[in-house]
């Protein structure tokens, strides 16, 4: 028997309506499962963005000795300006600015016994990559007039380890959820087909080919997967809006600010979610009906 488009559309619509409760159950299964999958993938992307943001914001501070003369300060400034692994230009802080910054951090008892001339000048630089921070430290180690070169590299490494672990955990969760979604959808569709096993047997007895029987059920699963994944794609988009709204300020300590994503990133995540839903729905139906074709 030839399989016409009209037959597929008619049978698919009829099956979906006759078994609307099972259809709703399958759609909700897809929606919930793939929402969790999409959320895991989106949060993994956000974690990657946060890691990159923190790396780009890492600064190396070259503190000069309080007694460093103008020639030594100029020599360090010239050398910093020639480094291709440092984003140019570096920001220069004079004694007054470092004193004002110290007043915000140090106890008033220490500030009271010091004066502006006791504080050093400094250069604040941003390395091109996080690994370049170590090169800056080695370059100015022992340089005349330089007191110390400081960078929160250990803190950044710790944050990187946490972020990398989080990304792998979220990816693992996404894989597990995809597998769980596949099993749940397969069982939902199998139950729906089991309720119509007599109908399948009758079609086989009157000469219907396996594909003539299988295609409408595959189309039914495809529609269920598409509807469920469309709902989950909407939920993932709402999560994206929440993250970007929560991170809408300029507070760099806010993790949502570092996790902010672009529209293309959430679009790609939604595309993956929809494709997975459609694939699982159609293949799940094809696999579920196989056992009922041998009559």
C-alpha atoms as a PDB file:
ATOM      1  CA  UNK A   1       0.000   0.000   0.000  1.00  0.00           C
ATOM      2  CA  UNK A   2       1.267   3.478  -0.862  1.00  0.00           C
ATOM      3  CA  UNK A   3       1.419   5.978   1.994  1.00  0.00           C
ATOM      4  CA  UNK A   4      -0.135   9.316   0.998  1.00  0.00           C
ATOM      5  CA  UNK A   5       0.302  12.618   2.807  1.00  0.00           C
ATOM      6  CA  UNK A   6      -3.460  12.942   3.175  1.00  0.00           C
ATOM      7  CA  UNK A   7      -3.625   9.541   4.883  1.00  0.00           C
ATOM      8  CA  UNK A   8      -0.771  10.432   7.254  1.00  0.00           C
ATOM      9  CA  UNK A   9      -2.338  13.770   8.252  1.00  0.00           C
ATOM     10  CA  UNK A  10      -5.809  12.271   8.675  1.00  0.00           C
ATOM     11  CA  UNK A  11      -4.668   9.277  10.710  1.00  0.00           C
ATOM     12  CA  UNK A  12      -2.271  11.313  12.829  1.00  0.00           C
ATOM     13  CA  UNK A  13      -4.943  13.878  13.707  1.00  0.00           C
ATOM     14  CA  UNK A  14      -7.464  11.102  14.396  1.00  0.00           C
ATOM     15  CA  UNK A  15      -5.053   9.195  16.653  1.00  0.00           C
ATOM     16  CA  UNK A  16      -4.098  12.321  18.573  1.00  0.00           C
ATOM     17  CA  UNK A  17      -7.737  13.245  19.191  1.00  0.00           C
ATOM     18  CA  UNK A  18      -8.959   9.747  20.062  1.00  0.00           C
ATOM     19  CA  UNK A  19      -6.144   9.318  22.545  1.00  0.00           C
ATOM     20  CA  UNK A  20      -5.987  12.913  23.735  1.00  0.00           C
ATOM     21  CA  UNK A  21      -5.333  12.002  27.368  1.00  0.00           C
ATOM     22  CA  UNK A  22      -2.311   9.899  26.399  1.00  0.00           C
ATOM     23  CA  UNK A  23      -1.263  12.663  24.000  1.00  0.00           C
ATOM     24  CA  UNK A  24      -1.382  15.232  26.802  1.00  0.00           C
ATOM     25  CA  UNK A  25       0.599  12.872  29.043  1.00  0.00           C
ATOM     26  CA  UNK A  26       3.280  12.386  26.366  1.00  0.00           C
ATOM     27  CA  UNK A  27       3.492  16.127  25.632  1.00  0.00           C
ATOM     28  CA  UNK A  28       3.839  16.967  29.329  1.00  0.00           C
ATOM     29  CA  UNK A  29       6.503  14.278  29.705  1.00  0.00           C
ATOM     30  CA  UNK A  30       8.502  15.777  26.853  1.00  0.00           C
ATOM     31  CA  UNK A  31       7.973  19.318  28.152  1.00  0.00           C
ATOM     32  CA  UNK A  32       9.118  18.616  31.708  1.00  0.00           C
ATOM     33  CA  UNK A  33      12.055  16.416  30.724  1.00  0.00           C
ATOM     34  CA  UNK A  34      13.380  18.711  28.005  1.00  0.00           C
ATOM     35  CA  UNK A  35      12.860  21.816  30.155  1.00  0.00           C
ATOM     36  CA  UNK A  36      15.298  20.296  32.634  1.00  0.00           C
ATOM     37  CA  UNK A  37      17.658  19.365  29.791  1.00  0.00           C
ATOM     38  CA  UNK A  38      17.469  22.847  28.281  1.00  0.00           C
ATOM     39  CA  UNK A  39      17.965  24.493  31.674  1.00  0.00           C
ATOM     40  CA  UNK A  40      21.065  22.366  32.281  1.00  0.00           C
ATOM     41  CA  UNK A  41      22.517  23.290  28.879  1.00  0.00           C
ATOM     42  CA  UNK A  42      21.708  26.984  29.375  1.00  0.00           C
ATOM     43  CA  UNK A  43      23.248  27.068  32.855  1.00  0.00           C
ATOM     44  CA  UNK A  44      26.338  25.325  31.480  1.00  0.00           C
ATOM     45  CA  UNK A  45      26.655  28.075  28.879  1.00  0.00           C
ATOM     46  CA  UNK A  46      26.162  30.678  31.595  1.00  0.00           C
ATOM     47  CA  UNK A  47      28.880  29.058  33.701  1.00  0.00           C
ATOM     48  CA  UNK A  48      31.246  29.160  30.708  1.00  0.00           C
ATOM     49  CA  UNK A  49      30.424  32.851  30.192  1.00  0.00           C
ATOM     50  CA  UNK A  50      31.071  33.579  33.873  1.00  0.00           C
ATOM     51  CA  UNK A  51      34.437  31.831  33.702  1.00  0.00           C
ATOM     52  CA  UNK A  52      35.447  33.865  30.655  1.00  0.00           C
ATOM     53  CA  UNK A  53      34.209  37.096  32.235  1.00  0.00           C
ATOM     54  CA  UNK A  54      36.228  36.518  35.395  1.00  0.00           C
ATOM     55  CA  UNK A  55      39.330  35.677  33.384  1.00  0.00           C
ATOM     56  CA  UNK A  56      38.999  38.822  31.284  1.00  0.00           C
ATOM     57  CA  UNK A  57      38.545  40.898  34.442  1.00  0.00           C
ATOM     58  CA  UNK A  58      41.699  39.600  36.136  1.00  0.00           C
ATOM     59  CA  UNK A  59      44.133  42.384  36.925  1.00  0.00           C
ATOM     60  CA  UNK A  60      47.823  42.394  37.726  1.00  0.00           C
ATOM     61  CA  UNK A  61      49.013  45.232  39.970  1.00  0.00           C
ATOM     62  CA  UNK A  62      52.619  46.398  39.885  1.00  0.00           C
ATOM     63  CA  UNK A  63      53.317  48.262  43.134  1.00  0.00           C
ATOM     64  CA  UNK A  64      56.302  50.574  43.122  1.00  0.00           C
ATOM     65  CA  UNK A  65      58.371  51.286  46.215  1.00  0.00           C
ATOM     66  CA  UNK A  66      57.187  54.409  48.084  1.00  0.00           C
ATOM     67  CA  UNK A  67      60.658  55.866  47.503  1.00  0.00           C
ATOM     68  CA  UNK A  68      60.859  54.921  43.811  1.00  0.00           C
ATOM     69  CA  UNK A  69      62.083  57.863  41.758  1.00  0.00           C
ATOM     70  CA  UNK A  70      60.537  59.253  38.573  1.00  0.00           C
ATOM     71  CA  UNK A  71      63.073  57.489  36.345  1.00  0.00           C
ATOM     72  CA  UNK A  72      62.242  54.057  37.789  1.00  0.00           C
ATOM     73  CA  UNK A  73      58.489  54.684  37.479  1.00  0.00           C
ATOM     74  CA  UNK A  74      58.911  55.821  33.869  1.00  0.00           C
ATOM     75  CA  UNK A  75      61.045  52.751  33.054  1.00  0.00           C
ATOM     76  CA  UNK A  76      58.353  50.381  34.371  1.00  0.00           C
ATOM     77  CA  UNK A  77      55.638  52.294  32.474  1.00  0.00           C
ATOM     78  CA  UNK A  78      57.655  52.028  29.242  1.00  0.00           C
ATOM     79  CA  UNK A  79      58.248  48.307  29.731  1.00  0.00           C
ATOM     80  CA  UNK A  80      54.558  47.661  30.453  1.00  0.00           C
ATOM     81  CA  UNK A  81      53.627  49.526  27.282  1.00  0.00           C
ATOM     82  CA  UNK A  82      55.760  47.153  25.214  1.00  0.00           C
ATOM     83  CA  UNK A  83      54.231  43.913  26.521  1.00  0.00           C
ATOM     84  CA  UNK A  84      52.004  42.247  23.911  1.00  0.00           C
ATOM     85  CA  UNK A  85      50.404  39.953  26.510  1.00  0.00           C
ATOM     86  CA  UNK A  86      48.956  42.912  28.442  1.00  0.00           C
ATOM     87  CA  UNK A  87      45.935  44.899  27.302  1.00  0.00           C
ATOM     88  CA  UNK A  88      47.007  48.470  26.659  1.00  0.00           C
ATOM     89  CA  UNK A  89      47.136  50.893  28.253  1.00  0.00           C
ATOM     90  CA  UNK A  90      47.765  50.035  31.900  1.00  0.00           C
ATOM     91  CA  UNK A  91      46.166  52.399  34.421  1.00  0.00           C
ATOM     92  CA  UNK A  92      48.537  54.430  36.597  1.00  0.00           C
ATOM     93  CA  UNK A  93      47.581  55.196  40.211  1.00  0.00           C
ATOM     94  CA  UNK A  94      49.495  57.924  41.984  1.00  0.00           C
ATOM     95  CA  UNK A  95      50.160  58.052  45.740  1.00  0.00           C
ATOM     96  CA  UNK A  96      46.994  60.062  46.449  1.00  0.00           C
ATOM     97  CA  UNK A  97      44.742  57.552  44.696  1.00  0.00           C
ATOM     98  CA  UNK A  98      46.313  54.575  46.466  1.00  0.00           C
ATOM     99  CA  UNK A  99      45.945  56.430  49.780  1.00  0.00           C
ATOM    100  CA  UNK A 100      42.256  57.098  49.068  1.00  0.00           C
ATOM    101  CA  UNK A 101      41.753  53.416  48.162  1.00  0.00           C
ATOM    102  CA  UNK A 102      43.544  52.309  51.333  1.00  0.00           C
ATOM    103  CA  UNK A 103      41.194  54.454  53.435  1.00  0.00           C
ATOM    104  CA  UNK A 104      38.297  52.316  52.188  1.00  0.00           C
ATOM    105  CA  UNK A 105      40.007  49.057  53.123  1.00  0.00           C
ATOM    106  CA  UNK A 106      42.373  49.571  56.083  1.00  0.00           C
ATOM    107  CA  UNK A 107      41.314  50.254  59.684  1.00  0.00           C
ATOM    108  CA  UNK A 108      41.216  53.903  60.729  1.00  0.00           C
ATOM    109  CA  UNK A 109      43.984  53.240  63.262  1.00  0.00           C
ATOM    110  CA  UNK A 110      46.460  52.445  60.487  1.00  0.00           C
ATOM    111  CA  UNK A 111      45.310  55.300  58.272  1.00  0.00           C
ATOM    112  CA  UNK A 112      45.730  57.726  61.154  1.00  0.00           C
ATOM    113  CA  UNK A 113      49.465  57.051  61.506  1.00  0.00           C
ATOM    114  CA  UNK A 114      50.268  57.175  57.790  1.00  0.00           C
ATOM    115  CA  UNK A 115      50.362  59.940  55.214  1.00  0.00           C
ATOM    116  CA  UNK A 116      50.092  60.109  51.442  1.00  0.00           C
ATOM    117  CA  UNK A 117      53.862  59.999  50.919  1.00  0.00           C
ATOM    118  CA  UNK A 118      54.009  56.613  52.685  1.00  0.00           C
ATOM    119  CA  UNK A 119      52.006  54.986  49.931  1.00  0.00           C
ATOM    120  CA  UNK A 120      53.378  53.702  46.599  1.00  0.00           C
ATOM    121  CA  UNK A 121      52.402  54.450  43.057  1.00  0.00           C
ATOM    122  CA  UNK A 122      51.063  51.502  41.076  1.00  0.00           C
ATOM    123  CA  UNK A 123      50.170  50.211  37.618  1.00  0.00           C
ATOM    124  CA  UNK A 124      46.949  48.243  37.091  1.00  0.00           C
ATOM    125  CA  UNK A 125      47.091  45.976  34.053  1.00  0.00           C
ATOM    126  CA  UNK A 126      44.793  43.390  32.499  1.00  0.00           C
ATOM    127  CA  UNK A 127      46.566  40.384  30.918  1.00  0.00           C
ATOM    128  CA  UNK A 128      45.325  39.146  27.542  1.00  0.00           C
ATOM    129  CA  UNK A 129      44.818  35.661  28.998  1.00  0.00           C
ATOM    130  CA  UNK A 130      44.763  34.423  32.577  1.00  0.00           C
ATOM    131  CA  UNK A 131      47.988  32.463  32.013  1.00  0.00           C
ATOM    132  CA  UNK A 132      49.752  35.718  31.053  1.00  0.00           C
ATOM    133  CA  UNK A 133      49.468  37.000  34.627  1.00  0.00           C
ATOM    134  CA  UNK A 134      52.369  34.757  35.668  1.00  0.00           C
ATOM    135  CA  UNK A 135      54.502  36.218  32.871  1.00  0.00           C
ATOM    136  CA  UNK A 136      53.911  39.738  34.156  1.00  0.00           C
ATOM    137  CA  UNK A 137      54.949  38.661  37.654  1.00  0.00           C
ATOM    138  CA  UNK A 138      58.155  37.074  36.348  1.00  0.00           C
ATOM    139  CA  UNK A 139      58.944  40.071  34.111  1.00  0.00           C
ATOM    140  CA  UNK A 140      58.995  42.586  36.973  1.00  0.00           C
ATOM    141  CA  UNK A 141      60.372  40.350  39.695  1.00  0.00           C
ATOM    142  CA  UNK A 142      63.475  42.127  41.011  1.00  0.00           C
ATOM    143  CA  UNK A 143      63.042  45.182  38.767  1.00  0.00           C
ATOM    144  CA  UNK A 144      64.534  48.353  40.332  1.00  0.00           C
ATOM    145  CA  UNK A 145      61.862  50.435  42.052  1.00  0.00           C
ATOM    146  CA  UNK A 146      59.265  47.623  42.054  1.00  0.00           C
ATOM    147  CA  UNK A 147      58.066  46.518  45.480  1.00  0.00           C
ATOM    148  CA  UNK A 148      55.662  43.708  44.526  1.00  0.00           C
ATOM    149  CA  UNK A 149      53.545  42.366  41.676  1.00  0.00           C
ATOM    150  CA  UNK A 150      50.187  41.073  42.854  1.00  0.00           C
ATOM    151  CA  UNK A 151      47.338  39.236  41.176  1.00  0.00           C
ATOM    152  CA  UNK A 152      44.437  37.102  42.499  1.00  0.00           C
ATOM    153  CA  UNK A 153      45.653  34.212  40.341  1.00  0.00           C
ATOM    154  CA  UNK A 154      45.150  31.584  43.052  1.00  0.00           C
ATOM    155  CA  UNK A 155      41.591  32.760  43.598  1.00  0.00           C
ATOM    156  CA  UNK A 156      40.962  32.694  39.839  1.00  0.00           C
ATOM    157  CA  UNK A 157      42.354  29.142  39.578  1.00  0.00           C
ATOM    158  CA  UNK A 158      40.038  28.068  42.396  1.00  0.00           C
ATOM    159  CA  UNK A 159      37.074  29.705  40.656  1.00  0.00           C
ATOM    160  CA  UNK A 160      38.074  28.023  37.374  1.00  0.00           C
ATOM    161  CA  UNK A 161      38.141  24.605  39.040  1.00  0.00           C
ATOM    162  CA  UNK A 162      34.693  25.186  40.527  1.00  0.00           C
ATOM    163  CA  UNK A 163      33.291  26.460  37.218  1.00  0.00           C
ATOM    164  CA  UNK A 164      34.795  23.562  35.226  1.00  0.00           C
ATOM    165  CA  UNK A 165      33.412  21.057  37.716  1.00  0.00           C
ATOM    166  CA  UNK A 166      30.018  22.786  37.527  1.00  0.00           C
ATOM    167  CA  UNK A 167      30.042  22.686  33.715  1.00  0.00           C
ATOM    168  CA  UNK A 168      30.781  18.945  33.674  1.00  0.00           C
ATOM    169  CA  UNK A 169      28.149  18.265  36.340  1.00  0.00           C
ATOM    170  CA  UNK A 170      25.529  20.201  34.368  1.00  0.00           C
ATOM    171  CA  UNK A 171      26.524  18.438  31.137  1.00  0.00           C
ATOM    172  CA  UNK A 172      26.243  15.060  32.874  1.00  0.00           C
ATOM    173  CA  UNK A 173      22.834  16.027  34.249  1.00  0.00           C
ATOM    174  CA  UNK A 174      21.730  17.053  30.746  1.00  0.00           C
ATOM    175  CA  UNK A 175      22.845  13.694  29.294  1.00  0.00           C
ATOM    176  CA  UNK A 176      21.068  11.762  32.061  1.00  0.00           C
ATOM    177  CA  UNK A 177      17.914  13.824  31.591  1.00  0.00           C
ATOM    178  CA  UNK A 178      17.953  13.261  27.822  1.00  0.00           C
ATOM    179  CA  UNK A 179      18.182   9.515  28.431  1.00  0.00           C
ATOM    180  CA  UNK A 180      15.397   9.741  31.036  1.00  0.00           C
ATOM    181  CA  UNK A 181      13.241  11.752  28.654  1.00  0.00           C
ATOM    182  CA  UNK A 182      13.765   9.155  25.939  1.00  0.00           C
ATOM    183  CA  UNK A 183      12.654   6.343  28.254  1.00  0.00           C
ATOM    184  CA  UNK A 184       9.629   8.266  29.548  1.00  0.00           C
ATOM    185  CA  UNK A 185       8.499   9.251  26.055  1.00  0.00           C
ATOM    186  CA  UNK A 186       9.032   5.728  24.745  1.00  0.00           C
ATOM    187  CA  UNK A 187       6.888   4.298  27.544  1.00  0.00           C
ATOM    188  CA  UNK A 188       4.154   6.910  27.037  1.00  0.00           C
ATOM    189  CA  UNK A 189       3.950   6.170  23.312  1.00  0.00           C
ATOM    190  CA  UNK A 190       4.157   2.420  23.896  1.00  0.00           C
ATOM    191  CA  UNK A 191       1.181   2.596  26.262  1.00  0.00           C
ATOM    192  CA  UNK A 192      -0.783   4.557  23.664  1.00  0.00           C
ATOM    193  CA  UNK A 193       0.013   2.011  20.948  1.00  0.00           C
ATOM    194  CA  UNK A 194      -0.669  -0.914  23.294  1.00  0.00           C
ATOM    195  CA  UNK A 195      -4.224   0.389  23.693  1.00  0.00           C
ATOM    196  CA  UNK A 196      -4.613   0.144  19.896  1.00  0.00           C
ATOM    197  CA  UNK A 197      -2.839  -3.183  19.336  1.00  0.00           C
ATOM    198  CA  UNK A 198      -6.023  -4.812  17.981  1.00  0.00           C
ATOM    199  CA  UNK A 199      -6.334  -2.031  15.394  1.00  0.00           C
ATOM    200  CA  UNK A 200      -2.742  -2.679  14.292  1.00  0.00           C
ATOM    201  CA  UNK A 201      -3.420  -6.430  14.029  1.00  0.00           C
ATOM    202  CA  UNK A 202      -6.499  -5.851  11.874  1.00  0.00           C
ATOM    203  CA  UNK A 203      -4.552  -3.542   9.527  1.00  0.00           C
ATOM    204  CA  UNK A 204      -1.863  -6.201   9.133  1.00  0.00           C
ATOM    205  CA  UNK A 205      -4.460  -8.878   8.373  1.00  0.00           C
ATOM    206  CA  UNK A 206      -5.996  -6.815   5.553  1.00  0.00           C
ATOM    207  CA  UNK A 207      -2.603  -6.406   3.861  1.00  0.00           C
ATOM    208  CA  UNK A 208      -1.219  -3.126   5.212  1.00  0.00           C
ATOM    209  CA  UNK A 209       2.567  -2.922   5.055  1.00  0.00           C
ATOM    210  CA  UNK A 210       4.668  -2.201   8.114  1.00  0.00           C
ATOM    211  CA  UNK A 211       5.484   1.312   6.894  1.00  0.00           C
ATOM    212  CA  UNK A 212       1.825   2.012   6.098  1.00  0.00           C
ATOM    213  CA  UNK A 213       1.069   1.305   9.769  1.00  0.00           C
ATOM    214  CA  UNK A 214       4.248   2.787  11.213  1.00  0.00           C
ATOM    215  CA  UNK A 215       4.321   6.230   9.528  1.00  0.00           C
ATOM    216  CA  UNK A 216       1.142   7.691  11.158  1.00  0.00           C
ATOM    217  CA  UNK A 217       2.398   6.600  14.579  1.00  0.00           C
ATOM    218  CA  UNK A 218       5.815   8.134  13.893  1.00  0.00           C
ATOM    219  CA  UNK A 219       4.084  11.343  12.814  1.00  0.00           C
ATOM    220  CA  UNK A 220       2.025  11.207  16.005  1.00  0.00           C
ATOM    221  CA  UNK A 221       5.178  10.884  18.093  1.00  0.00           C
ATOM    222  CA  UNK A 222       6.815  13.675  16.099  1.00  0.00           C
ATOM    223  CA  UNK A 223       3.890  16.017  16.832  1.00  0.00           C
ATOM    224  CA  UNK A 224       3.958  15.100  20.518  1.00  0.00           C
ATOM    225  CA  UNK A 225       7.704  15.694  20.645  1.00  0.00           C
ATOM    226  CA  UNK A 226       7.372  18.991  18.771  1.00  0.00           C
ATOM    227  CA  UNK A 227       4.614  20.307  21.043  1.00  0.00           C
ATOM    228  CA  UNK A 228       6.423  19.258  24.212  1.00  0.00           C
ATOM    229  CA  UNK A 229       9.769  20.645  23.069  1.00  0.00           C
ATOM    230  CA  UNK A 230       8.112  23.927  22.035  1.00  0.00           C
ATOM    231  CA  UNK A 231       6.798  24.309  25.584  1.00  0.00           C
ATOM    232  CA  UNK A 232      10.229  23.510  27.024  1.00  0.00           C
ATOM    233  CA  UNK A 233      11.897  25.953  24.605  1.00  0.00           C
ATOM    234  CA  UNK A 234       9.593  28.670  25.953  1.00  0.00           C
ATOM    235  CA  UNK A 235      10.515  27.735  29.528  1.00  0.00           C
ATOM    236  CA  UNK A 236      14.227  27.870  28.668  1.00  0.00           C
ATOM    237  CA  UNK A 237      13.743  31.318  27.120  1.00  0.00           C
ATOM    238  CA  UNK A 238      12.042  32.512  30.321  1.00  0.00           C
ATOM    239  CA  UNK A 239      15.054  31.241  32.301  1.00  0.00           C
ATOM    240  CA  UNK A 240      17.326  33.185  29.946  1.00  0.00           C
ATOM    241  CA  UNK A 241      15.291  36.359  30.540  1.00  0.00           C
ATOM    242  CA  UNK A 242      15.480  35.827  34.308  1.00  0.00           C
ATOM    243  CA  UNK A 243      19.270  35.390  34.290  1.00  0.00           C
ATOM    244  CA  UNK A 244      19.833  38.454  32.115  1.00  0.00           C
ATOM    245  CA  UNK A 245      17.413  40.537  34.186  1.00  0.00           C
ATOM    246  CA  UNK A 246      18.984  39.454  37.477  1.00  0.00           C
ATOM    247  CA  UNK A 247      22.405  40.287  36.042  1.00  0.00           C
ATOM    248  CA  UNK A 248      21.334  43.555  34.438  1.00  0.00           C
ATOM    249  CA  UNK A 249      23.419  45.761  36.744  1.00  0.00           C
ATOM    250  CA  UNK A 250      27.126  46.501  36.709  1.00  0.00           C
ATOM    251  CA  UNK A 251      27.900  44.705  39.974  1.00  0.00           C
ATOM    252  CA  UNK A 252      30.739  42.349  39.047  1.00  0.00           C
ATOM    253  CA  UNK A 253      30.271  40.338  42.261  1.00  0.00           C
ATOM    254  CA  UNK A 254      26.799  39.299  41.067  1.00  0.00           C
ATOM    255  CA  UNK A 255      27.167  35.855  39.498  1.00  0.00           C
ATOM    256  CA  UNK A 256      24.197  36.500  37.170  1.00  0.00           C
ATOM    257  CA  UNK A 257      26.027  39.523  35.741  1.00  0.00           C
ATOM    258  CA  UNK A 258      28.906  37.266  34.721  1.00  0.00           C
ATOM    259  CA  UNK A 259      26.514  34.602  33.398  1.00  0.00           C
ATOM    260  CA  UNK A 260      24.584  36.911  31.054  1.00  0.00           C
ATOM    261  CA  UNK A 261      23.987  35.356  27.640  1.00  0.00           C
ATOM    262  CA  UNK A 262      23.241  36.584  24.137  1.00  0.00           C
ATOM    263  CA  UNK A 263      20.093  35.870  22.154  1.00  0.00           C
ATOM    264  CA  UNK A 264      22.012  33.586  19.789  1.00  0.00           C
ATOM    265  CA  UNK A 265      23.145  31.393  22.689  1.00  0.00           C
ATOM    266  CA  UNK A 266      19.619  30.803  23.982  1.00  0.00           C
ATOM    267  CA  UNK A 267      18.400  30.351  20.383  1.00  0.00           C
ATOM    268  CA  UNK A 268      20.908  27.551  19.806  1.00  0.00           C
ATOM    269  CA  UNK A 269      19.880  25.929  23.099  1.00  0.00           C
ATOM    270  CA  UNK A 270      16.224  26.065  22.073  1.00  0.00           C
ATOM    271  CA  UNK A 271      17.060  24.578  18.654  1.00  0.00           C
ATOM    272  CA  UNK A 272      18.825  21.658  20.373  1.00  0.00           C
ATOM    273  CA  UNK A 273      15.846  21.146  22.690  1.00  0.00           C
ATOM    274  CA  UNK A 274      13.337  21.122  19.800  1.00  0.00           C
ATOM    275  CA  UNK A 275      15.455  18.773  17.677  1.00  0.00           C
ATOM    276  CA  UNK A 276      15.891  16.358  20.591  1.00  0.00           C
ATOM    277  CA  UNK A 277      12.141  16.415  21.269  1.00  0.00           C
ATOM    278  CA  UNK A 278      11.235  15.743  17.635  1.00  0.00           C
ATOM    279  CA  UNK A 279      13.874  13.010  17.318  1.00  0.00           C
ATOM    280  CA  UNK A 280      12.866  11.259  20.510  1.00  0.00           C
ATOM    281  CA  UNK A 281       9.159  11.488  19.656  1.00  0.00           C
ATOM    282  CA  UNK A 282       9.433  10.059  16.126  1.00  0.00           C
ATOM    283  CA  UNK A 283      12.041   7.385  16.896  1.00  0.00           C
ATOM    284  CA  UNK A 284      10.263   6.470  20.126  1.00  0.00           C
ATOM    285  CA  UNK A 285       7.067   5.797  18.212  1.00  0.00           C
ATOM    286  CA  UNK A 286       8.911   3.758  15.576  1.00  0.00           C
ATOM    287  CA  UNK A 287      10.551   1.597  18.237  1.00  0.00           C
ATOM    288  CA  UNK A 288       7.391   1.272  20.319  1.00  0.00           C
ATOM    289  CA  UNK A 289       5.302  -0.070  17.442  1.00  0.00           C
ATOM    290  CA  UNK A 290       7.876  -2.634  16.236  1.00  0.00           C
ATOM    291  CA  UNK A 291       6.734  -5.357  18.609  1.00  0.00           C
ATOM    292  CA  UNK A 292       3.103  -4.968  17.458  1.00  0.00           C
ATOM    293  CA  UNK A 293       3.943  -5.388  13.765  1.00  0.00           C
ATOM    294  CA  UNK A 294       4.742  -9.114  14.093  1.00  0.00           C
ATOM    295  CA  UNK A 295       1.297 -10.676  14.075  1.00  0.00           C
END
